[in-house]
């Protein structure tokens, strides 16, 4: 049978907050930019690209910090 893992503490999930904020900002500003330059289809495309870009930026900052915390 499968092994049931212990629940992690809420502190273990705190690193998700910056990612969620970055994705939210990327979606909002990407959508606004897409609406200004073209229309709804481009707005959705630029919102997705903006969210991905922002999450990559956050990962570049937080990934280094998390790796240094583990060592």
C-alpha atoms as a PDB file:
ATOM      1  CA  UNK A   1       0.000   0.000   0.000  1.00  0.00           C
ATOM      2  CA  UNK A   2       0.981   3.618  -0.398  1.00  0.00           C
ATOM      3  CA  UNK A   3       2.744   5.512   2.282  1.00  0.00           C
ATOM      4  CA  UNK A   4       0.886   8.430   3.848  1.00  0.00           C
ATOM      5  CA  UNK A   5       3.197  11.403   4.305  1.00  0.00           C
ATOM      6  CA  UNK A   6       3.101  13.738   7.253  1.00  0.00           C
ATOM      7  CA  UNK A   7       1.538  17.112   6.643  1.00  0.00           C
ATOM      8  CA  UNK A   8       4.026  19.916   6.332  1.00  0.00           C
ATOM      9  CA  UNK A   9       3.820  22.904   8.574  1.00  0.00           C
ATOM     10  CA  UNK A  10       2.421  26.173   7.204  1.00  0.00           C
ATOM     11  CA  UNK A  11       5.939  27.606   7.411  1.00  0.00           C
ATOM     12  CA  UNK A  12       7.015  25.200   4.661  1.00  0.00           C
ATOM     13  CA  UNK A  13       4.483  26.784   2.309  1.00  0.00           C
ATOM     14  CA  UNK A  14       5.531  30.412   2.907  1.00  0.00           C
ATOM     15  CA  UNK A  15       7.882  30.320  -0.073  1.00  0.00           C
ATOM     16  CA  UNK A  16       4.791  30.100  -2.326  1.00  0.00           C
ATOM     17  CA  UNK A  17       3.641  33.625  -1.415  1.00  0.00           C
ATOM     18  CA  UNK A  18       6.214  35.465  -3.584  1.00  0.00           C
ATOM     19  CA  UNK A  19       5.435  33.151  -6.498  1.00  0.00           C
ATOM     20  CA  UNK A  20       1.711  33.808  -6.237  1.00  0.00           C
ATOM     21  CA  UNK A  21       2.275  37.559  -6.014  1.00  0.00           C
ATOM     22  CA  UNK A  22       4.592  37.508  -9.022  1.00  0.00           C
ATOM     23  CA  UNK A  23       2.205  35.431 -11.108  1.00  0.00           C
ATOM     24  CA  UNK A  24      -0.682  37.713 -10.165  1.00  0.00           C
ATOM     25  CA  UNK A  25       1.259  40.826 -11.133  1.00  0.00           C
ATOM     26  CA  UNK A  26       2.409  39.209 -14.372  1.00  0.00           C
ATOM     27  CA  UNK A  27      -1.152  38.274 -15.264  1.00  0.00           C
ATOM     28  CA  UNK A  28      -2.530  41.722 -14.494  1.00  0.00           C
ATOM     29  CA  UNK A  29       0.101  43.814 -16.250  1.00  0.00           C
ATOM     30  CA  UNK A  30       0.408  41.382 -19.152  1.00  0.00           C
ATOM     31  CA  UNK A  31      -3.334  41.488 -19.701  1.00  0.00           C
ATOM     32  CA  UNK A  32      -3.421  45.288 -19.537  1.00  0.00           C
ATOM     33  CA  UNK A  33      -0.545  45.532 -21.991  1.00  0.00           C
ATOM     34  CA  UNK A  34      -2.179  43.101 -24.415  1.00  0.00           C
ATOM     35  CA  UNK A  35      -5.443  45.029 -24.317  1.00  0.00           C
ATOM     36  CA  UNK A  36      -3.622  48.260 -25.116  1.00  0.00           C
ATOM     37  CA  UNK A  37      -1.720  46.919 -28.103  1.00  0.00           C
ATOM     38  CA  UNK A  38      -4.272  44.618 -29.712  1.00  0.00           C
ATOM     39  CA  UNK A  39      -7.315  43.070 -28.067  1.00  0.00           C
ATOM     40  CA  UNK A  40      -8.601  40.232 -25.892  1.00  0.00           C
ATOM     41  CA  UNK A  41      -6.740  37.400 -27.619  1.00  0.00           C
ATOM     42  CA  UNK A  42      -3.403  39.179 -27.382  1.00  0.00           C
ATOM     43  CA  UNK A  43      -4.244  40.181 -23.801  1.00  0.00           C
ATOM     44  CA  UNK A  44      -4.580  36.541 -22.763  1.00  0.00           C
ATOM     45  CA  UNK A  45      -1.351  35.606 -24.541  1.00  0.00           C
ATOM     46  CA  UNK A  46       0.645  38.443 -22.967  1.00  0.00           C
ATOM     47  CA  UNK A  47      -0.893  37.699 -19.557  1.00  0.00           C
ATOM     48  CA  UNK A  48       0.339  34.111 -19.705  1.00  0.00           C
ATOM     49  CA  UNK A  49       3.777  35.175 -20.914  1.00  0.00           C
ATOM     50  CA  UNK A  50       3.939  37.852 -18.200  1.00  0.00           C
ATOM     51  CA  UNK A  51       3.070  35.335 -15.490  1.00  0.00           C
ATOM     52  CA  UNK A  52       5.718  32.908 -16.708  1.00  0.00           C
ATOM     53  CA  UNK A  53       8.337  35.645 -16.924  1.00  0.00           C
ATOM     54  CA  UNK A  54       7.588  36.902 -13.408  1.00  0.00           C
ATOM     55  CA  UNK A  55       7.737  33.405 -11.933  1.00  0.00           C
ATOM     56  CA  UNK A  56      11.122  32.843 -13.603  1.00  0.00           C
ATOM     57  CA  UNK A  57      12.437  36.088 -12.111  1.00  0.00           C
ATOM     58  CA  UNK A  58      11.219  35.135  -8.623  1.00  0.00           C
ATOM     59  CA  UNK A  59      12.751  31.680  -8.988  1.00  0.00           C
ATOM     60  CA  UNK A  60      16.097  33.207  -9.902  1.00  0.00           C
ATOM     61  CA  UNK A  61      16.090  35.240  -6.682  1.00  0.00           C
ATOM     62  CA  UNK A  62      14.513  32.754  -4.293  1.00  0.00           C
ATOM     63  CA  UNK A  63      16.120  29.651  -5.758  1.00  0.00           C
ATOM     64  CA  UNK A  64      19.561  30.916  -4.825  1.00  0.00           C
ATOM     65  CA  UNK A  65      18.408  31.782  -1.322  1.00  0.00           C
ATOM     66  CA  UNK A  66      16.763  28.395  -0.743  1.00  0.00           C
ATOM     67  CA  UNK A  67      19.847  26.556  -1.994  1.00  0.00           C
ATOM     68  CA  UNK A  68      22.086  28.524   0.359  1.00  0.00           C
ATOM     69  CA  UNK A  69      19.701  27.819   3.283  1.00  0.00           C
ATOM     70  CA  UNK A  70      19.943  24.068   2.709  1.00  0.00           C
ATOM     71  CA  UNK A  71      23.750  23.973   2.779  1.00  0.00           C
END
